[in-house]
């Protein structure tokens, strides 16, 4: 998936965190301040990393 698309989707989730939590109970664990830490064995997508870095969540 293109970096710009993932960046935009990551931004949309972060900016609508409360609404995302309402969609499904499992989403209550999502927070942009920690979401980049919990990707498991899958590497963080460069587009998502760019968003988290720009917002100061990721060093």
N, C-alpha and C. Protein backbone atom coordinates (compact mmCIF):
# COMPACT_ATOMS: atom_id res chain seq x y z
N UNK A 1 0.84 -1.16 0.00
CA UNK A 1 0.00 0.00 0.00
C UNK A 1 0.90 1.24 0.00
N UNK A 2 0.51 2.24 -0.70
CA UNK A 2 1.30 3.46 -0.83
C UNK A 2 1.48 4.16 0.51
N UNK A 3 2.67 4.70 0.73
CA UNK A 3 2.98 5.39 1.98
C UNK A 3 2.00 6.52 2.28
N UNK A 4 1.65 7.31 1.26
CA UNK A 4 0.74 8.43 1.46
C UNK A 4 -0.64 7.97 1.91
N UNK A 5 -1.10 6.86 1.36
CA UNK A 5 -2.41 6.33 1.75
C UNK A 5 -2.38 5.85 3.20
N UNK A 6 -1.35 5.16 3.59
CA UNK A 6 -1.25 4.68 4.96
C UNK A 6 -1.09 5.86 5.92
N UNK A 7 -0.34 6.86 5.53
CA UNK A 7 -0.20 8.07 6.34
C UNK A 7 -1.57 8.70 6.58
N UNK A 8 -2.37 8.84 5.53
CA UNK A 8 -3.70 9.44 5.64
C UNK A 8 -4.63 8.59 6.50
N UNK A 9 -4.58 7.29 6.35
CA UNK A 9 -5.43 6.41 7.16
C UNK A 9 -5.02 6.45 8.63
N UNK A 10 -3.74 6.49 8.88
CA UNK A 10 -3.24 6.56 10.25
C UNK A 10 -3.69 7.87 10.89
N UNK A 11 -3.58 8.95 10.15
CA UNK A 11 -4.03 10.25 10.64
C UNK A 11 -5.52 10.24 10.94
N UNK A 12 -6.32 9.67 10.04
CA UNK A 12 -7.77 9.60 10.25
C UNK A 12 -8.12 8.83 11.52
N UNK A 13 -7.45 7.72 11.76
CA UNK A 13 -7.70 6.94 12.98
C UNK A 13 -7.33 7.75 14.21
N UNK A 14 -6.18 8.39 14.18
CA UNK A 14 -5.72 9.15 15.34
C UNK A 14 -6.63 10.34 15.64
N UNK A 15 -7.08 11.02 14.59
CA UNK A 15 -7.93 12.19 14.77
C UNK A 15 -9.36 11.83 15.16
N UNK A 16 -9.74 10.57 14.97
CA UNK A 16 -11.09 10.12 15.30
C UNK A 16 -11.04 8.98 16.30
N UNK A 17 -10.10 9.06 17.22
CA UNK A 17 -9.86 7.99 18.18
C UNK A 17 -11.13 7.63 18.96
N UNK A 18 -11.88 8.60 19.45
CA UNK A 18 -13.09 8.32 20.24
C UNK A 18 -14.11 7.55 19.40
N UNK A 19 -14.29 7.95 18.17
CA UNK A 19 -15.25 7.26 17.29
C UNK A 19 -14.77 5.85 17.00
N UNK A 20 -13.49 5.67 16.79
CA UNK A 20 -12.92 4.35 16.53
C UNK A 20 -13.17 3.43 17.72
N UNK A 21 -13.07 3.97 18.92
CA UNK A 21 -13.33 3.17 20.13
C UNK A 21 -14.78 2.70 20.19
N UNK A 22 -15.69 3.49 19.65
CA UNK A 22 -17.11 3.15 19.66
C UNK A 22 -17.47 2.02 18.70
N UNK A 23 -16.69 1.84 17.66
CA UNK A 23 -17.00 0.87 16.61
C UNK A 23 -16.97 -0.56 17.12
N UNK A 24 -15.98 -0.89 17.91
CA UNK A 24 -15.83 -2.25 18.43
C UNK A 24 -15.09 -2.20 19.76
N UNK A 25 -15.51 -2.99 20.74
CA UNK A 25 -14.84 -2.95 22.05
C UNK A 25 -13.34 -3.20 22.01
N UNK A 26 -12.87 -4.01 21.09
CA UNK A 26 -11.44 -4.30 21.00
C UNK A 26 -10.62 -3.04 20.66
N UNK A 27 -11.27 -2.08 20.00
CA UNK A 27 -10.56 -0.87 19.59
C UNK A 27 -10.24 0.04 20.76
N UNK A 28 -10.78 -0.24 21.95
CA UNK A 28 -10.49 0.61 23.11
C UNK A 28 -9.01 0.60 23.47
N UNK A 29 -8.29 -0.38 22.96
CA UNK A 29 -6.86 -0.47 23.23
C UNK A 29 -6.03 0.40 22.28
N UNK A 30 -6.68 0.95 21.25
CA UNK A 30 -5.96 1.79 20.29
C UNK A 30 -5.71 3.18 20.87
N UNK A 31 -4.53 3.65 20.70
CA UNK A 31 -4.16 5.03 21.00
C UNK A 31 -2.95 5.36 20.17
N UNK A 32 -2.94 6.49 19.49
CA UNK A 32 -1.81 6.81 18.62
C UNK A 32 -0.48 6.91 19.36
N UNK A 33 -0.54 7.15 20.66
CA UNK A 33 0.69 7.26 21.42
C UNK A 33 1.36 5.90 21.65
N UNK A 34 0.61 4.80 21.48
CA UNK A 34 1.18 3.47 21.68
C UNK A 34 0.97 2.53 20.49
N UNK A 35 0.13 2.91 19.54
CA UNK A 35 -0.21 2.02 18.43
C UNK A 35 1.01 1.57 17.64
N UNK A 36 1.97 2.42 17.49
CA UNK A 36 3.18 2.08 16.73
C UNK A 36 4.05 1.06 17.46
N UNK A 37 3.84 0.88 18.75
CA UNK A 37 4.63 -0.07 19.53
C UNK A 37 4.11 -1.49 19.42
N UNK A 38 2.84 -1.65 19.10
CA UNK A 38 2.18 -2.95 19.19
C UNK A 38 1.91 -3.58 17.83
N UNK A 39 2.91 -3.63 16.98
CA UNK A 39 2.72 -4.19 15.65
C UNK A 39 3.17 -5.64 15.55
N UNK A 40 3.67 -6.20 16.63
CA UNK A 40 4.08 -7.61 16.65
C UNK A 40 5.25 -7.86 15.74
N UNK A 41 5.18 -8.97 15.00
CA UNK A 41 6.27 -9.38 14.12
C UNK A 41 6.26 -8.62 12.79
N UNK A 42 5.19 -7.89 12.53
CA UNK A 42 5.06 -7.16 11.27
C UNK A 42 5.76 -5.81 11.43
N UNK A 43 6.63 -5.44 10.50
CA UNK A 43 7.28 -4.13 10.62
C UNK A 43 6.28 -2.99 10.43
N UNK A 44 6.52 -1.90 11.11
CA UNK A 44 5.66 -0.73 10.98
C UNK A 44 5.77 -0.19 9.56
N UNK A 45 4.63 0.05 8.94
CA UNK A 45 4.60 0.57 7.57
C UNK A 45 5.26 1.96 7.55
N UNK A 46 6.08 2.25 6.55
CA UNK A 46 6.75 3.56 6.48
C UNK A 46 5.78 4.74 6.52
N UNK A 47 4.61 4.59 5.91
CA UNK A 47 3.63 5.68 5.94
C UNK A 47 3.09 5.94 7.33
N UNK A 48 2.83 4.87 8.07
CA UNK A 48 2.37 5.02 9.46
C UNK A 48 3.49 5.58 10.31
N UNK A 49 4.70 5.09 10.09
CA UNK A 49 5.85 5.60 10.82
C UNK A 49 6.04 7.08 10.61
N UNK A 50 5.85 7.51 9.38
CA UNK A 50 5.99 8.94 9.07
C UNK A 50 4.99 9.76 9.88
N UNK A 51 3.73 9.32 9.92
CA UNK A 51 2.72 10.06 10.69
C UNK A 51 3.09 10.10 12.17
N UNK A 52 3.40 8.95 12.75
CA UNK A 52 3.73 8.90 14.17
C UNK A 52 4.96 9.75 14.50
N UNK A 53 5.93 9.78 13.60
CA UNK A 53 7.13 10.59 13.80
C UNK A 53 6.79 12.08 13.74
N UNK A 54 5.99 12.48 12.74
CA UNK A 54 5.62 13.88 12.58
C UNK A 54 4.83 14.38 13.78
N UNK A 55 4.03 13.52 14.39
CA UNK A 55 3.20 13.91 15.53
C UNK A 55 3.94 13.80 16.86
N UNK A 56 5.16 13.31 16.82
CA UNK A 56 5.98 13.25 18.02
C UNK A 56 5.78 12.00 18.87
N UNK A 57 5.07 11.00 18.34
CA UNK A 57 4.86 9.77 19.09
C UNK A 57 6.06 8.82 18.97
N UNK A 58 6.71 8.86 17.85
CA UNK A 58 7.78 7.94 17.54
C UNK A 58 9.09 8.71 17.43
N UNK A 59 10.11 8.24 18.10
CA UNK A 59 11.40 8.93 18.05
C UNK A 59 12.09 8.73 16.74
